[in-house]
N, C-alpha and C. Protein backbone atom coordinates (compact mmCIF):
# COMPACT_ATOMS: atom_id res chain seq x y z
N MET A 1 0.59 -1.02 -0.07
CA MET A 1 -0.28 -0.19 -0.28
C MET A 1 1.22 0.87 -0.14
N PRO A 2 0.63 2.01 -0.72
CA PRO A 2 1.30 3.50 -0.60
C PRO A 2 1.62 3.79 -0.02
N LEU A 3 2.56 4.94 0.39
CA LEU A 3 2.43 5.51 1.93
C LEU A 3 1.46 6.79 2.02
N SER A 4 1.51 7.20 0.84
CA SER A 4 -0.22 8.26 1.13
C SER A 4 -1.13 8.05 1.29
N VAL A 5 -1.75 6.18 0.75
CA VAL A 5 -2.92 5.86 1.32
C VAL A 5 -2.83 5.46 2.92
N ARG A 6 -1.73 5.07 3.43
CA ARG A 6 -1.34 4.57 4.57
C ARG A 6 -1.30 5.86 5.62
N LEU A 7 -1.53 6.80 5.65
CA LEU A 7 -0.99 8.28 5.81
C LEU A 7 -2.73 8.79 6.04
N LEU A 8 -3.25 8.45 4.60
CA LEU A 8 -4.65 9.07 5.04
C LEU A 8 -5.35 8.07 5.62
N ALA A 9 -5.62 7.20 5.45
CA ALA A 9 -6.30 5.84 6.45
C ALA A 9 -5.93 6.31 7.93
N ALA A 10 -4.68 6.27 8.14
CA ALA A 10 -4.09 6.22 9.89
C ALA A 10 -5.19 7.63 10.23
N CYS A 11 -5.03 8.76 9.12
CA CYS A 11 -5.60 10.22 9.87
C CYS A 11 -7.31 10.07 10.03
N CYS A 12 -7.61 9.08 9.16
CA CYS A 12 -8.85 8.97 9.19
C CYS A 12 -9.41 8.27 10.61
N GLY A 13 -8.18 7.10 10.78
CA GLY A 13 -8.63 6.46 11.98
C GLY A 13 -8.69 7.34 13.36
N LEU A 14 -7.56 8.17 13.19
CA LEU A 14 -7.60 9.29 14.34
C LEU A 14 -8.91 9.98 14.67
N LEU A 15 -9.26 10.65 13.17
CA LEU A 15 -10.42 11.32 13.09
C LEU A 15 -11.63 10.92 13.71
N LEU A 16 -11.43 9.30 13.48
CA LEU A 16 -12.70 8.86 13.75
C LEU A 16 -12.99 8.38 15.54
N ALA A 17 -11.88 8.19 15.70
CA ALA A 17 -11.46 7.95 17.12
C ALA A 17 -12.21 9.12 17.86
N GLY A 18 -11.51 10.35 17.43
CA GLY A 18 -11.57 11.81 18.32
C GLY A 18 -12.98 11.76 18.31
N CYS A 19 -13.82 11.43 17.23
CA CYS A 19 -15.19 12.04 17.23
C CYS A 19 -15.82 11.09 18.22
N ALA A 20 -15.50 9.50 18.21
CA ALA A 20 -16.40 8.81 19.23
C ALA A 20 -16.31 8.68 20.29
N SER A 21 -14.82 8.70 21.05
CA SER A 21 -14.84 9.90 22.00
C SER A 21 -15.94 10.96 22.72
N GLY A 22 -16.11 11.82 21.90
CA GLY A 22 -16.74 13.05 22.29
C GLY A 22 -18.56 12.53 22.19
N ASN A 23 -18.51 11.52 21.35
CA ASN A 23 -20.24 10.92 21.57
C ASN A 23 -20.02 9.89 22.24
N ASP A 24 -19.49 8.60 22.54
CA ASP A 24 -19.64 7.84 23.95
C ASP A 24 -19.48 8.73 25.12
N ARG A 25 -20.45 9.40 25.60
CA ARG A 25 -20.32 9.56 26.94
C ARG A 25 -21.75 8.96 27.69
N TRP A 26 -21.69 8.01 28.59
CA TRP A 26 -22.74 7.22 29.02
C TRP A 26 -22.50 7.68 30.86
N VAL A 27 -24.29 7.35 30.98
CA VAL A 27 -24.29 7.40 32.66
C VAL A 27 -24.74 6.01 32.80
N GLU A 28 -24.51 5.34 33.98
CA GLU A 28 -25.22 4.40 34.35
C GLU A 28 -26.66 4.65 35.45
N VAL A 29 -27.23 3.87 35.90
CA VAL A 29 -28.44 3.64 36.70
C VAL A 29 -29.16 2.81 36.92
N GLY A 30 -29.60 2.07 37.79
CA GLY A 30 -30.43 0.80 38.01
C GLY A 30 -29.70 0.05 37.47
N GLY A 31 -28.49 0.03 37.31
CA GLY A 31 -28.01 -1.44 36.24
C GLY A 31 -28.03 -1.04 34.71
N ALA A 32 -28.38 -0.23 34.73
CA ALA A 32 -28.83 -0.01 32.93
C ALA A 32 -27.84 1.00 32.68
N ARG A 33 -27.26 1.30 31.21
CA ARG A 33 -26.41 2.22 30.96
C ARG A 33 -27.13 3.06 29.77
N TYR A 34 -26.78 4.26 29.42
CA TYR A 34 -27.60 5.22 28.79
C TYR A 34 -26.29 5.93 28.02
N MET A 35 -26.61 6.00 27.24
CA MET A 35 -26.13 7.16 26.12
C MET A 35 -26.35 8.54 25.92
N VAL A 36 -25.85 9.71 26.24
CA VAL A 36 -26.42 11.02 26.94
C VAL A 36 -25.57 11.88 26.12
N GLU A 37 -26.33 12.61 26.04
CA GLU A 37 -25.79 13.82 25.58
C GLU A 37 -25.98 14.68 26.37
N VAL A 38 -24.83 15.32 26.93
CA VAL A 38 -24.61 16.73 27.85
C VAL A 38 -24.94 18.24 28.03
N ALA A 39 -25.83 18.54 28.57
CA ALA A 39 -26.48 20.15 28.97
C ALA A 39 -26.09 20.50 29.81
N ASP A 40 -24.83 21.33 29.59
CA ASP A 40 -24.19 21.95 30.84
C ASP A 40 -24.27 23.39 31.17
N ASP A 41 -24.84 23.98 30.15
CA ASP A 41 -24.96 25.47 30.08
C ASP A 41 -26.05 25.94 29.84
N ASP A 42 -25.99 27.06 30.25
CA ASP A 42 -27.72 27.68 30.16
C ASP A 42 -27.93 27.64 28.98
N ASP A 43 -27.61 28.02 27.44
CA ASP A 43 -28.47 28.04 26.38
C ASP A 43 -28.55 26.12 26.33
N GLU A 44 -27.79 25.28 26.89
CA GLU A 44 -28.32 23.53 26.11
C GLU A 44 -29.22 23.31 26.99
N ARG A 45 -29.09 23.81 28.77
CA ARG A 45 -29.86 23.38 29.45
C ARG A 45 -32.01 23.95 28.96
N ALA A 46 -31.83 24.73 28.48
CA ALA A 46 -32.75 25.35 27.78
C ALA A 46 -33.46 25.20 26.35
N ARG A 47 -32.54 24.67 25.67
CA ARG A 47 -33.14 23.87 24.10
C ARG A 47 -33.73 22.16 24.89
N GLY A 48 -32.71 21.96 25.60
CA GLY A 48 -33.23 20.39 26.17
C GLY A 48 -33.10 19.26 24.95
N LEU A 49 -34.03 18.78 25.11
CA LEU A 49 -34.43 17.46 23.69
C LEU A 49 -35.90 18.26 22.91
N MET A 50 -35.90 19.62 23.07
CA MET A 50 -36.93 20.62 22.64
C MET A 50 -37.55 20.07 20.82
N PHE A 51 -38.31 19.79 20.17
CA PHE A 51 -38.22 19.52 18.60
C PHE A 51 -37.66 18.03 18.21
N ARG A 52 -37.81 17.52 19.36
CA ARG A 52 -37.17 16.48 18.45
C ARG A 52 -38.29 15.46 18.65
N ASP A 53 -38.15 14.74 17.56
CA ASP A 53 -39.42 13.61 17.37
C ASP A 53 -39.41 12.00 18.05
N VAL A 54 -37.52 11.67 18.18
CA VAL A 54 -37.83 10.53 18.88
C VAL A 54 -36.18 11.04 19.80
N LEU A 55 -36.19 9.60 20.74
CA LEU A 55 -34.99 9.58 21.59
C LEU A 55 -35.10 8.42 21.17
N ALA A 56 -33.45 7.58 20.86
CA ALA A 56 -33.00 6.71 20.70
C ALA A 56 -33.54 5.62 21.99
N ALA A 57 -33.51 4.23 22.08
CA ALA A 57 -33.46 3.68 22.63
C ALA A 57 -32.22 3.75 23.47
N ASP A 58 -32.13 3.02 24.77
CA ASP A 58 -30.96 3.28 25.67
C ASP A 58 -30.31 4.72 25.43
N HIS A 59 -31.26 5.74 24.81
CA HIS A 59 -30.20 7.49 25.23
C HIS A 59 -31.07 8.28 26.16
N GLY A 60 -30.42 9.17 26.53
CA GLY A 60 -30.96 10.55 27.57
C GLY A 60 -30.09 11.36 27.21
N MET A 61 -30.86 12.23 27.88
CA MET A 61 -29.97 13.53 28.18
C MET A 61 -29.50 13.99 29.60
N LEU A 62 -28.31 14.34 30.16
CA LEU A 62 -28.10 14.52 31.53
C LEU A 62 -27.74 16.16 31.43
N PHE A 63 -28.14 16.62 32.14
CA PHE A 63 -28.57 17.77 32.72
C PHE A 63 -27.58 18.53 33.82
N ILE A 64 -26.46 18.88 33.59
CA ILE A 64 -25.87 19.51 34.68
C ILE A 64 -25.81 20.73 35.60
N HIS A 65 -25.86 21.00 36.36
CA HIS A 65 -26.22 22.42 36.74
C HIS A 65 -25.30 22.81 37.84
N GLU A 66 -24.90 24.20 37.75
CA GLU A 66 -23.73 24.38 38.81
C GLU A 66 -23.68 24.31 40.26
N ARG A 67 -24.96 24.31 41.03
CA ARG A 67 -25.27 23.92 42.27
C ARG A 67 -26.26 23.51 42.53
N GLN A 68 -26.41 22.29 43.74
CA GLN A 68 -27.68 22.34 43.76
C GLN A 68 -28.88 22.59 44.82
N GLN A 69 -30.15 22.60 44.14
CA GLN A 69 -30.96 23.87 44.33
C GLN A 69 -32.43 22.72 44.27
N PRO A 70 -33.45 23.35 44.44
CA PRO A 70 -34.61 22.82 43.75
C PRO A 70 -34.90 23.32 42.43
N GLN A 71 -35.22 22.07 41.27
CA GLN A 71 -35.30 22.02 40.17
C GLN A 71 -36.44 22.16 39.33
N ALA A 72 -36.93 22.84 38.40
CA ALA A 72 -37.88 22.44 38.28
C ALA A 72 -38.40 22.48 36.33
N TYR A 73 -38.48 21.29 35.48
CA TYR A 73 -38.54 21.29 34.32
C TYR A 73 -39.73 20.95 33.46
N TRP A 74 -39.65 21.39 32.51
CA TRP A 74 -41.34 21.63 31.83
C TRP A 74 -40.70 21.02 30.14
N MET A 75 -42.15 20.52 29.42
CA MET A 75 -41.96 20.23 28.12
C MET A 75 -42.15 20.82 26.93
N LYS A 76 -42.00 22.30 27.00
CA LYS A 76 -42.33 23.00 26.15
C LYS A 76 -41.51 22.69 25.02
N ASN A 77 -42.52 22.63 23.78
CA ASN A 77 -41.82 22.30 22.31
C ASN A 77 -41.25 21.30 22.55
N THR A 78 -41.84 20.15 23.56
CA THR A 78 -40.63 18.62 23.72
C THR A 78 -42.18 17.48 22.84
N ARG A 79 -41.67 17.08 21.93
CA ARG A 79 -42.48 15.54 21.81
C ARG A 79 -42.52 14.48 22.06
N ILE A 80 -41.60 14.49 23.06
CA ILE A 80 -41.49 13.24 23.01
C ILE A 80 -41.45 12.46 24.88
N PRO A 81 -42.42 11.67 25.18
CA PRO A 81 -42.76 11.57 26.42
C PRO A 81 -41.17 11.19 27.47
N LEU A 82 -41.35 11.78 28.33
CA LEU A 82 -40.10 11.47 28.92
C LEU A 82 -40.50 11.49 30.51
N ASP A 83 -39.39 10.66 31.29
CA ASP A 83 -39.20 10.17 32.68
C ASP A 83 -38.28 11.40 33.05
N ILE A 84 -38.57 11.81 34.06
CA ILE A 84 -37.44 13.09 34.24
C ILE A 84 -36.64 12.74 35.82
N LEU A 85 -35.32 12.61 35.69
CA LEU A 85 -35.35 12.30 37.22
C LEU A 85 -34.57 13.24 37.46
N TYR A 86 -34.52 13.51 38.86
CA TYR A 86 -33.37 14.51 39.70
C TYR A 86 -32.70 13.64 40.22
N PHE A 87 -31.47 14.26 40.31
CA PHE A 87 -30.18 13.54 41.45
C PHE A 87 -29.75 14.86 42.23
N ASP A 88 -28.95 14.64 43.46
CA ASP A 88 -28.59 15.63 44.37
C ASP A 88 -27.05 15.18 43.75
N ARG A 89 -26.22 16.48 44.72
CA ARG A 89 -24.50 16.16 44.11
C ARG A 89 -24.21 15.05 44.57
N ASP A 90 -24.60 14.08 45.54
CA ASP A 90 -23.75 13.50 45.76
C ASP A 90 -24.36 11.93 44.52
N ARG A 91 -25.01 12.57 43.47
CA ARG A 91 -25.34 11.60 42.14
C ARG A 91 -26.72 10.65 42.71
N ARG A 92 -27.33 10.88 44.06
CA ARG A 92 -28.39 9.93 44.18
C ARG A 92 -29.92 10.39 43.93
N LEU A 93 -30.40 9.66 43.38
CA LEU A 93 -31.93 9.72 42.93
C LEU A 93 -32.57 10.16 43.97
N VAL A 94 -33.12 11.37 43.62
CA VAL A 94 -33.90 12.39 44.66
C VAL A 94 -35.50 12.66 44.44
N SER A 95 -35.64 12.46 43.46
CA SER A 95 -37.09 12.86 42.78
C SER A 95 -37.24 12.36 41.33
N GLN A 96 -38.52 11.85 41.16
CA GLN A 96 -38.74 11.06 39.75
C GLN A 96 -39.97 11.84 39.35
N GLN A 97 -40.13 12.39 37.80
CA GLN A 97 -41.23 12.49 37.29
C GLN A 97 -41.64 11.73 36.21
N ARG A 98 -42.26 10.80 36.47
CA ARG A 98 -42.16 9.39 35.40
C ARG A 98 -43.43 10.02 34.04
N ASP A 99 -42.96 9.34 32.91
CA ASP A 99 -44.64 9.35 31.92
C ASP A 99 -44.78 10.72 31.78
N VAL A 100 -43.81 12.09 31.62
CA VAL A 100 -44.67 13.37 31.41
C VAL A 100 -44.83 13.09 29.96
N PRO A 101 -45.50 13.71 29.90
CA PRO A 101 -46.22 13.85 28.18
C PRO A 101 -45.92 14.78 27.41
N PRO A 102 -45.51 14.75 26.59
CA PRO A 102 -45.22 15.92 25.37
C PRO A 102 -45.82 16.97 25.81
N CYS A 103 -45.86 18.07 25.57
CA CYS A 103 -46.36 19.79 25.76
C CYS A 103 -46.27 20.78 24.24
N SER A 104 -47.30 21.28 23.31
CA SER A 104 -46.94 21.78 22.28
C SER A 104 -47.78 23.41 23.06
N ALA A 105 -48.14 23.59 23.93
CA ALA A 105 -48.68 24.91 24.72
C ALA A 105 -47.86 26.41 25.21
N GLY A 106 -46.73 25.64 24.41
CA GLY A 106 -45.57 26.86 24.32
C GLY A 106 -45.30 27.35 26.19
N ASP A 107 -45.52 28.56 26.45
CA ASP A 107 -44.96 29.00 28.09
C ASP A 107 -46.09 28.87 28.84
N ALA A 108 -47.36 27.58 28.25
CA ALA A 108 -48.43 27.80 29.10
C ALA A 108 -48.40 25.96 29.67
N CYS A 109 -46.85 25.44 29.34
CA CYS A 109 -46.71 24.13 29.61
C CYS A 109 -46.62 23.76 31.42
N PRO A 110 -47.02 22.61 32.06
CA PRO A 110 -46.99 22.86 33.69
C PRO A 110 -45.43 22.76 33.72
N PRO A 111 -44.89 22.78 34.99
CA PRO A 111 -43.55 22.73 35.48
C PRO A 111 -43.82 21.40 35.81
N TYR A 112 -42.94 20.85 36.26
CA TYR A 112 -42.73 19.40 36.91
C TYR A 112 -40.85 19.55 37.87
N PRO A 113 -41.52 19.81 38.80
CA PRO A 113 -40.37 20.18 40.13
C PRO A 113 -39.83 19.31 40.80
N SER A 114 -38.88 18.83 41.42
CA SER A 114 -38.39 18.16 41.80
C SER A 114 -38.74 18.13 43.29
N ALA A 115 -39.13 17.05 43.91
CA ALA A 115 -39.34 16.67 45.72
C ALA A 115 -38.11 17.13 46.35
N ALA A 116 -37.15 17.97 46.01
CA ALA A 116 -35.45 17.54 46.56
C ALA A 116 -34.57 18.59 45.84
N PRO A 117 -33.85 19.54 46.78
CA PRO A 117 -32.85 20.07 45.70
C PRO A 117 -31.96 19.16 44.91
N ALA A 118 -31.71 19.17 43.54
CA ALA A 118 -31.18 18.16 42.79
C ALA A 118 -29.79 19.65 41.63
N GLN A 119 -29.07 18.59 41.53
CA GLN A 119 -27.69 19.05 40.88
C GLN A 119 -27.67 18.71 39.50
N TYR A 120 -28.19 17.31 39.33
CA TYR A 120 -28.31 16.82 37.99
C TYR A 120 -29.45 16.28 37.45
N VAL A 121 -30.06 16.68 36.44
CA VAL A 121 -30.93 15.93 35.59
C VAL A 121 -31.15 15.35 34.53
N LEU A 122 -31.51 13.21 34.29
CA LEU A 122 -31.56 12.28 33.77
C LEU A 122 -32.94 12.35 32.84
N GLU A 123 -32.66 12.99 31.31
CA GLU A 123 -34.26 12.69 30.92
C GLU A 123 -33.91 11.71 29.96
N LEU A 124 -35.03 10.56 30.50
CA LEU A 124 -34.99 9.29 29.24
C LEU A 124 -36.63 9.43 29.08
N ASN A 125 -36.53 8.17 27.59
CA ASN A 125 -37.53 7.65 27.47
C ASN A 125 -38.50 7.42 28.58
N ALA A 126 -40.15 7.98 28.22
CA ALA A 126 -41.07 7.85 29.07
C ALA A 126 -41.38 6.03 29.84
N GLY A 127 -40.96 5.60 31.01
CA GLY A 127 -41.06 4.35 30.98
C GLY A 127 -39.79 3.41 31.29
N GLU A 128 -38.52 4.29 31.01
CA GLU A 128 -37.61 3.46 31.58
C GLU A 128 -37.37 3.39 33.11
N ALA A 129 -37.75 4.80 33.88
CA ALA A 129 -37.84 4.49 35.50
C ALA A 129 -38.65 3.48 35.78
N ALA A 130 -39.95 3.03 35.46
CA ALA A 130 -40.75 1.99 36.01
C ALA A 130 -40.02 0.41 35.30
N LYS A 131 -39.40 0.37 33.90
CA LYS A 131 -38.65 -0.99 33.89
C LYS A 131 -37.52 -1.12 34.83
N LEU A 132 -36.93 -0.37 35.10
CA LEU A 132 -35.66 0.03 36.24
C LEU A 132 -36.14 -0.35 37.09
N LYS A 133 -37.38 -0.06 37.82
CA LYS A 133 -38.05 -0.17 38.98
C LYS A 133 -37.18 0.53 40.09
N LEU A 134 -36.69 1.79 39.14
CA LEU A 134 -35.77 2.92 40.03
C LEU A 134 -36.64 3.47 41.27
N LEU A 135 -36.13 3.83 42.66
CA LEU A 135 -36.15 3.94 43.94
C LEU A 135 -35.37 5.21 44.23
N ASN A 136 -35.93 6.13 44.70
CA ASN A 136 -35.46 7.19 45.61
C ASN A 136 -33.98 6.38 46.48
N GLY A 137 -32.93 7.12 45.97
CA GLY A 137 -31.40 6.26 46.52
C GLY A 137 -30.43 6.14 45.79
N ALA A 138 -31.45 5.54 44.54
CA ALA A 138 -30.78 4.95 43.42
C ALA A 138 -29.27 5.86 42.73
N GLU A 139 -28.02 5.77 42.84
CA GLU A 139 -26.59 6.29 42.32
C GLU A 139 -27.04 6.38 40.58
N LEU A 140 -26.27 7.61 40.05
CA LEU A 140 -26.23 7.71 38.58
C LEU A 140 -24.99 7.77 38.77
N ARG A 141 -24.20 6.84 37.88
CA ARG A 141 -22.68 6.68 37.87
C ARG A 141 -22.42 7.08 36.42
N PHE A 142 -21.17 8.20 36.88
CA PHE A 142 -20.92 9.04 35.29
C PHE A 142 -20.24 8.07 34.61
N GLY A 143 -20.03 8.08 33.52
CA GLY A 143 -18.57 7.28 32.60
C GLY A 143 -17.85 8.34 32.33
N PRO A 144 -16.62 8.02 31.36
CA PRO A 144 -15.67 8.86 30.86
C PRO A 144 -16.02 10.42 30.07
N GLY A 145 -15.29 11.16 30.42
CA GLY A 145 -15.86 12.54 29.57
C GLY A 145 -17.30 13.31 29.95
N ILE A 146 -17.62 12.84 31.57
CA ILE A 146 -18.65 13.17 31.92
C ILE A 146 -18.24 14.11 33.37
N GLU A 147 -17.88 15.83 33.37
CA GLU A 147 -17.50 16.26 34.52
C GLU A 147 -18.33 16.32 35.47
N PRO A 148 -18.39 15.82 36.50
CA PRO A 148 -19.00 15.84 37.80
C PRO A 148 -18.36 17.56 38.19
N ARG A 149 -19.58 18.52 38.91
CA ARG A 149 -19.33 19.47 39.17
C ARG A 149 -19.09 19.80 40.71
């Protein structure tokens, strides 16, 4: 194989490896692993899963807040029914909002608050918390590439 082809193949391999590591963020809860997108700034948290028609199986979105405090999420412009799971600074489940329906009512969409202060919020497809039989106190584990605050 010519050197130029080998170099091109090596460069493509490095690029793909770099892309994969950025997309291979995961969390574990209740014995299950979920690939997650991370929302860790105000813009990403505000956008969340809005305007999406599907959330792949075994995927979710992890919201990371700067500090632990009461949280309330809503489903404005969200088209996917979700489980909203609230975790404290120690990554222990403190509150659950299960089977939250989509909402197209804009600012009239109701909030779904945490029952206790939380720092991390995990959104999964509706029904996942029931399938896992999640109880408050369950631990949220972070895979590589997710930085706790």
